[in-house]
Amino acid sequence: MRTRTVLLGEAGYSVLPSFTSRDAFQIFISRDINLVILCHTIPQEEKSKLIVSMKERKRAPIVCIHVDGEADGKLVDAYLHSLDGPEVLLSCVAKVLDKSIGRQIAN
């Protein structure tokens, strides 16, 4: 996670890292969050519950970093594989944020 945090920070994004699902949810509900990235180290069942709870509260897009075989259905806006490189992460974040901004303008 640290590498992703540094990479996103160097790319100009404000990053609010958390180390537990509970902390992530508290940050999510208490701050103006534009994008959530959930790491592959969160157990799948816990991650699925967190996604549902977040989507019930706000429309912020969610990107899941996964390992083979994981899926969270249509609640997630994008997936990245845990082995994807920095260029893929930055490209995905930019695309999801662009799509989200367009969705907000259209609504």
Protein backbone atom coordinates (compact mmCIF):
# COMPACT_ATOMS: atom_id res chain seq x y z
CA MET A 1 0.00 0.00 0.00
CA ARG A 2 2.82 2.41 0.82
CA THR A 3 4.12 2.30 -2.74
CA ARG A 4 0.67 3.13 -4.14
CA THR A 5 0.23 5.92 -1.59
CA VAL A 6 3.57 7.48 -2.54
CA LEU A 7 2.91 7.05 -6.27
CA LEU A 8 -0.52 8.69 -6.08
CA GLY A 9 0.81 11.48 -3.88
CA GLU A 10 3.63 12.20 -6.30
CA ALA A 11 1.07 12.30 -9.11
CA GLY A 12 -0.75 15.11 -7.29
CA TYR A 13 -3.55 13.18 -5.58
CA SER A 14 -4.38 13.66 -1.90
CA VAL A 15 -4.26 10.24 -0.30
CA LEU A 16 -5.84 9.30 3.02
CA PRO A 17 -4.46 5.85 3.82
CA SER A 18 -6.03 3.54 6.37
CA PHE A 19 -4.92 0.21 7.70
CA THR A 20 -8.28 -1.26 8.71
CA SER A 21 -11.69 -1.46 7.10
CA ARG A 22 -13.17 0.35 10.07
CA ASP A 23 -10.74 3.25 9.67
CA ALA A 24 -11.40 3.34 5.93
CA PHE A 25 -15.14 3.58 6.50
CA GLN A 26 -14.74 6.33 9.11
CA ILE A 27 -12.60 8.36 6.72
CA PHE A 28 -15.12 7.71 3.94
CA ILE A 29 -18.14 8.97 5.89
CA SER A 30 -16.39 11.91 7.52
CA ARG A 31 -14.54 13.39 4.54
CA ASP A 32 -15.30 14.47 0.99
CA ILE A 33 -13.90 11.45 -0.84
CA ASN A 34 -13.67 11.39 -4.64
CA LEU A 35 -12.35 7.84 -5.07
CA VAL A 36 -11.80 4.75 -2.93
CA ILE A 37 -9.10 2.20 -3.64
CA LEU A 38 -9.44 -1.05 -1.71
CA CYS A 39 -6.36 -3.22 -1.41
CA HIS A 40 -6.21 -6.94 -2.13
CA THR A 41 -5.09 -7.60 1.47
CA ILE A 42 -8.60 -6.97 2.83
CA PRO A 43 -10.35 -10.34 3.21
CA GLN A 44 -12.93 -10.77 0.43
CA GLU A 45 -15.99 -11.05 2.68
CA GLU A 46 -14.95 -7.97 4.65
CA LYS A 47 -14.24 -6.10 1.42
CA SER A 48 -17.66 -6.97 0.00
CA LYS A 49 -19.42 -5.69 3.13
CA LEU A 50 -17.35 -2.51 3.08
CA ILE A 51 -18.22 -1.87 -0.57
CA VAL A 52 -21.95 -2.28 0.10
CA SER A 53 -21.77 0.03 3.14
CA MET A 54 -19.89 2.67 1.16
CA LYS A 55 -22.23 2.52 -1.82
CA GLU A 56 -25.24 2.91 0.50
CA ARG A 57 -23.77 6.19 1.81
CA LYS A 58 -22.18 7.94 -1.18
CA ARG A 59 -21.66 7.66 -4.91
CA ALA A 60 -17.87 7.82 -4.80
CA PRO A 61 -16.32 5.39 -7.27
CA ILE A 62 -14.52 2.35 -5.90
CA VAL A 63 -11.49 0.63 -7.40
CA CYS A 64 -10.62 -2.82 -6.07
CA ILE A 65 -7.16 -4.26 -6.27
CA HIS A 66 -7.55 -8.00 -6.49
CA VAL A 67 -5.83 -11.29 -6.96
CA ASP A 68 -7.15 -13.92 -9.35
CA GLY A 69 -10.69 -15.10 -8.77
CA GLU A 70 -12.06 -12.21 -6.71
CA ALA A 71 -15.15 -10.33 -7.79
CA ASP A 72 -17.48 -7.79 -6.23
CA GLY A 73 -20.01 -7.56 -9.01
CA LYS A 74 -21.26 -4.30 -10.44
CA LEU A 75 -20.77 -2.29 -7.25
CA VAL A 76 -17.14 -1.67 -8.13
CA ASP A 77 -16.20 0.86 -10.79
CA ALA A 78 -12.88 -0.71 -11.78
CA TYR A 79 -10.53 -3.54 -10.94
CA LEU A 80 -6.76 -3.67 -10.85
CA HIS A 81 -4.66 -6.78 -10.42
CA SER A 82 -2.27 -6.72 -7.47
CA LEU A 83 0.63 -7.12 -9.92
CA ASP A 84 -0.35 -4.22 -12.20
CA GLY A 85 2.35 -1.59 -12.45
CA PRO A 86 2.32 2.11 -11.63
CA GLU A 87 1.24 3.20 -15.12
CA VAL A 88 -1.85 0.99 -14.93
CA LEU A 89 -2.79 2.35 -11.50
CA LEU A 90 -2.44 5.98 -12.56
CA SER A 91 -4.32 5.39 -15.80
CA CYS A 92 -7.16 3.62 -13.98
CA VAL A 93 -7.46 6.36 -11.36
CA ALA A 94 -7.57 9.07 -14.03
CA LYS A 95 -10.21 7.21 -16.08
CA VAL A 96 -12.43 6.48 -13.09
CA LEU A 97 -12.23 10.05 -11.83
CA ASP A 98 -12.97 11.44 -15.32
CA LYS A 99 -15.98 9.14 -15.62
CA SER A 100 -17.16 10.10 -12.13
CA ILE A 101 -16.92 13.82 -12.87
CA GLY A 102 -18.92 13.31 -16.06
CA ARG A 103 -21.54 11.36 -14.13
CA GLN A 104 -21.84 14.16 -11.54
CA ILE A 105 -22.25 16.80 -14.24
CA ALA A 106 -24.91 14.72 -16.03
CA ASN A 107 -26.96 14.19 -12.86
